[in-house]
Each structure stands twice: as structure tokens, then as C-alpha cells.
Amino acid sequence: MSTAPRRRGFIIGIGSNIAPERNVPHILRALLDRFGALSMSRILRTRPIDMASRAEFLNLAVFVETDLDAAALKQVCNRIETDLGRDRDDPDSARKDRPADLDILFPVVPGQTLRPVIEGEYQRPVVADLLTFLGLGSAPHDLPAGEPVNLGGVSAGKVAAAVDRQGSAGDVVVVEQSA
């Protein structure tokens, strides 16, 4: 059980196993373009589950602060997936390799205690890492170092971080990493 959050938004699970070192930064940039800022877990490399593929995923969780409802946010997420080449009309898309997979995991509502139920074993460690970073939980002590990706000339993903775009400084991505 996690404490009550201070900001309203959503936790989104993110994964990619097609060119993930290129696609994860594209996903993060698209979310930054839409929301201006986000908090992210470390990025972990995971094996595919319930897929015929052997291509490993890069997985992470992000928190975006937004007043959008879940349906509108899902449209934003689906658009990012299709922009990166995912065929959402394919009935087998859930079992195929993918450049982008964004799943809304649960809402974050100020004043409400979080009791998240995380179904995918690959999502549990990154969600725990993110909730710890947000001050809403505690992560296991045995989490491995994350996989860094290049985010606008800045390395991100080894540890949980707050990421912000500074429009006044050009298109600079600022990453404040956790200790």
C-alpha cells in the first residue's frame, strides 16, 4: 500500500523490443512534447513473456501529470504507438514484437491511497522504482542498474528521474536523477 499522492495523473507502463534503444527515447520525447514533464523509473531489460519472440524489451514506467481522463490519455498513447509503427489493428499485435507499447496502469489521484495491482511481472519492478521516486512506496533493494538511453543529449534510465523540457533554453531536456 502506498501513501496518498500529491499530484493528479497516471502511471503508464512502456515497453519496446524493436530497436528499443531508439524507440524508448522517441516515446519519452513524444510524452514530453504532450505533457512537458514526466517522472520515470529506471529502464530495465526484460525477456519477452507469452510471445514467440526472443527480442528483449526495454521496460519502464512513467508518471504524467494531466487532467485528461483515461480514454483521452489512451488515445495519446495509441497515437505514439502507431506513429512508431505499431499496427494496432492486427489482432495478434499483443503477441508480436513491437516498437512501442504504452499501457495505462492506474490513475494517481491526490488524497487517495494507492493500491495498485500490477499484472505483468516485467512491470512490477519499474512501477515500484517509480513509486519510490515519487515518495509513494518502496522499491526492492535488489533492483539492477537501469539501461541508459540518449534523451536529447542527456543520458537517462540508469536510475529513476524527473525529466522536463525547458522551452526557454531551446529544446533542452533536463534530467534530475534520484540519489
Protein backbone atom coordinates (compact mmCIF):
# COMPACT_ATOMS: atom_id res chain seq x y z
CA MET A 1 0.00 0.00 0.00
CA SER A 2 1.34 3.43 -0.95
CA THR A 3 0.69 6.80 0.61
CA ALA A 4 -1.64 9.38 -0.90
CA PRO A 5 -0.22 11.22 -3.93
CA ARG A 6 0.15 14.99 -4.19
CA ARG A 7 -0.42 15.28 -7.95
CA ARG A 8 -3.11 14.01 -10.32
CA GLY A 9 -2.14 11.94 -13.32
CA PHE A 10 -1.43 8.41 -14.47
CA ILE A 11 1.24 5.75 -14.28
CA ILE A 12 1.99 4.40 -17.75
CA GLY A 13 3.95 1.22 -18.46
CA ILE A 14 6.22 1.48 -21.50
CA GLY A 15 7.98 -1.23 -23.46
CA SER A 16 9.75 -1.73 -26.78
CA ASN A 17 11.53 -4.72 -28.27
CA ILE A 18 12.05 -3.43 -31.81
CA ALA A 19 15.05 -1.08 -31.82
CA PRO A 20 14.29 -0.21 -28.18
CA GLU A 21 17.41 1.96 -27.73
CA ARG A 22 15.97 4.22 -30.46
CA ASN A 23 12.24 3.83 -29.79
CA VAL A 24 12.19 4.36 -26.00
CA PRO A 25 13.72 7.86 -26.37
CA HIS A 26 11.15 8.59 -29.12
CA ILE A 27 8.34 7.52 -26.77
CA LEU A 28 9.69 9.70 -23.96
CA ARG A 29 10.11 12.68 -26.32
CA ALA A 30 6.51 12.27 -27.52
CA LEU A 31 5.26 12.26 -23.93
CA LEU A 32 7.40 15.31 -23.14
CA ASP A 33 6.03 17.08 -26.23
CA ARG A 34 2.50 16.41 -24.98
CA PHE A 35 2.91 16.89 -21.21
CA GLY A 36 6.08 19.00 -20.82
CA ALA A 37 7.41 16.94 -17.93
CA LEU A 38 7.33 13.42 -16.55
CA SER A 39 8.87 11.25 -13.87
CA MET A 40 10.36 7.96 -14.98
CA SER A 41 11.65 4.76 -13.42
CA ARG A 42 14.95 3.24 -14.35
CA ILE A 43 14.81 1.35 -17.64
CA LEU A 44 15.15 -2.41 -17.29
CA ARG A 45 15.91 -5.02 -19.93
CA THR A 46 13.40 -7.89 -19.75
CA ARG A 47 12.73 -11.07 -21.66
CA PRO A 48 9.51 -11.37 -23.68
CA ILE A 49 6.63 -13.12 -21.92
CA ASP A 50 3.88 -15.05 -23.74
CA MET A 51 5.49 -14.27 -27.10
CA ALA A 52 7.31 -16.39 -29.67
CA SER A 53 9.99 -13.71 -29.88
CA ARG A 54 13.47 -13.75 -28.36
CA ALA A 55 13.95 -9.98 -28.73
CA GLU A 56 14.38 -8.44 -25.29
CA PHE A 57 12.34 -5.46 -24.18
CA LEU A 58 13.35 -2.22 -22.59
CA ASN A 59 10.66 -1.53 -19.97
CA LEU A 60 9.98 1.44 -17.73
CA ALA A 61 7.13 3.22 -16.00
CA VAL A 62 6.37 6.92 -16.17
CA PHE A 63 4.11 9.29 -14.27
CA VAL A 64 2.49 12.08 -16.28
CA GLU A 65 0.59 14.83 -14.57
CA THR A 66 -2.60 15.51 -16.54
CA ASP A 67 -6.27 16.39 -16.31
CA LEU A 68 -7.04 14.08 -19.23
CA ASP A 69 -9.34 11.17 -18.46
CA ALA A 70 -8.15 7.60 -19.12
CA ALA A 71 -9.89 7.38 -22.52
CA ALA A 72 -8.26 10.57 -23.81
CA LEU A 73 -4.86 9.52 -22.46
CA LYS A 74 -5.26 6.12 -24.14
CA GLN A 75 -5.74 7.92 -27.46
CA VAL A 76 -2.47 9.82 -26.86
CA CYS A 77 -0.70 6.54 -26.07
CA ASN A 78 -2.17 4.74 -29.09
CA ARG A 79 -1.08 7.59 -31.35
CA ILE A 80 2.51 7.32 -30.10
CA GLU A 81 2.44 3.56 -30.76
CA THR A 82 1.14 3.93 -34.31
CA ASP A 83 3.48 6.84 -35.08
CA LEU A 84 6.36 4.49 -34.27
CA GLY A 85 4.95 1.73 -36.50
CA ARG A 86 2.79 -0.50 -34.30
CA ASP A 87 -0.18 -1.99 -36.13
CA ARG A 88 -2.94 -1.74 -33.53
CA ASP A 89 -5.46 -3.28 -35.98
CA ASP A 90 -3.56 -6.58 -36.07
CA PRO A 91 -5.49 -9.00 -33.79
CA ASP A 92 -2.16 -10.65 -32.84
CA SER A 93 -0.38 -7.38 -32.02
CA ALA A 94 -0.25 -8.25 -28.30
CA ARG A 95 1.88 -11.32 -29.09
CA LYS A 96 4.20 -9.74 -31.65
CA ASP A 97 7.38 -7.72 -31.39
CA ARG A 98 6.62 -4.03 -31.12
CA PRO A 99 8.40 -0.70 -31.44
CA ALA A 100 6.15 0.84 -28.79
CA ASP A 101 3.76 -0.42 -26.15
CA LEU A 102 2.16 2.09 -23.77
CA ASP A 103 -0.29 0.80 -21.18
CA ILE A 104 -2.13 2.98 -18.69
CA LEU A 105 -1.58 1.07 -15.47
CA PHE A 106 -3.52 3.15 -12.93
CA PRO A 107 -4.61 6.69 -12.07
CA VAL A 108 -2.93 8.78 -9.41
CA VAL A 109 -5.43 10.93 -7.52
CA PRO A 110 -4.46 13.37 -4.74
CA GLY A 111 -5.81 12.31 -1.36
CA GLN A 112 -6.39 8.70 -2.40
CA THR A 113 -4.15 5.92 -1.14
CA LEU A 114 -2.61 3.93 -3.98
CA ARG A 115 -3.33 0.22 -4.07
CA PRO A 116 -2.00 -0.68 -7.50
CA VAL A 117 -2.45 -4.15 -8.91
CA ILE A 118 0.31 -4.76 -11.44
CA GLU A 119 -0.38 -7.79 -13.64
CA GLY A 120 2.82 -8.08 -15.68
CA GLU A 121 5.84 -9.36 -13.75
CA TYR A 122 8.04 -7.25 -16.03
CA GLN A 123 6.20 -4.10 -14.86
CA ARG A 124 6.36 -4.66 -11.10
CA PRO A 125 9.99 -3.60 -10.54
CA VAL A 126 9.77 -0.46 -12.69
CA VAL A 127 6.48 0.61 -11.09
CA ALA A 128 7.94 0.04 -7.61
CA ASP A 129 11.02 2.07 -8.62
CA LEU A 130 8.86 4.94 -9.90
CA LEU A 131 6.56 4.95 -6.86
CA THR A 132 9.62 5.06 -4.61
CA PHE A 133 10.98 8.01 -6.60
CA LEU A 134 7.62 9.78 -6.24
CA GLY A 135 7.64 9.13 -2.49
CA LEU A 136 4.64 6.80 -2.76
CA GLY A 137 6.19 3.44 -2.00
CA SER A 138 9.38 1.47 -1.56
CA ALA A 139 11.28 -0.48 -4.18
CA PRO A 140 13.08 -3.74 -3.59
CA HIS A 141 16.73 -3.20 -2.69
CA ASP A 142 17.94 -5.63 -5.33
CA LEU A 143 16.87 -3.69 -8.43
CA PRO A 144 19.61 -3.75 -11.04
CA ALA A 145 21.06 -0.58 -12.54
CA GLY A 146 18.97 0.59 -15.42
CA GLU A 147 19.80 0.71 -19.11
CA PRO A 148 20.69 4.24 -20.19
CA VAL A 149 19.22 5.80 -23.34
CA ASN A 150 20.09 9.08 -25.02
CA LEU A 151 17.37 11.62 -24.37
CA GLY A 152 18.19 14.86 -26.15
CA GLY A 153 21.91 14.57 -25.50
CA VAL A 154 21.36 13.56 -21.86
CA SER A 155 21.65 10.01 -20.58
CA ALA A 156 18.54 8.79 -18.74
CA GLY A 157 17.37 5.43 -17.48
CA LYS A 158 20.08 4.19 -15.10
CA VAL A 159 18.04 5.45 -12.13
CA ALA A 160 14.61 7.00 -11.65
CA ALA A 161 14.46 10.63 -12.74
CA ALA A 162 12.33 13.72 -13.27
CA VAL A 163 12.52 14.85 -16.88
CA ASP A 164 11.50 18.31 -18.07
CA ARG A 165 11.70 20.28 -21.31
CA GLN A 166 12.91 23.84 -20.93
CA GLY A 167 11.35 25.76 -23.78
CA SER A 168 13.19 28.96 -22.85
CA ALA A 169 16.55 27.20 -23.28
CA GLY A 170 15.77 25.89 -26.75
CA ASP A 171 14.66 22.27 -26.87
CA VAL A 172 16.82 21.10 -23.97
CA VAL A 173 15.79 18.09 -21.93
CA VAL A 174 16.73 18.43 -18.28
CA VAL A 175 17.05 15.25 -16.24
CA GLU A 176 17.23 15.40 -12.45
CA GLN A 177 18.25 11.94 -11.31
CA SER A 178 17.46 10.42 -7.97
CA ALA A 179 20.24 9.62 -5.49
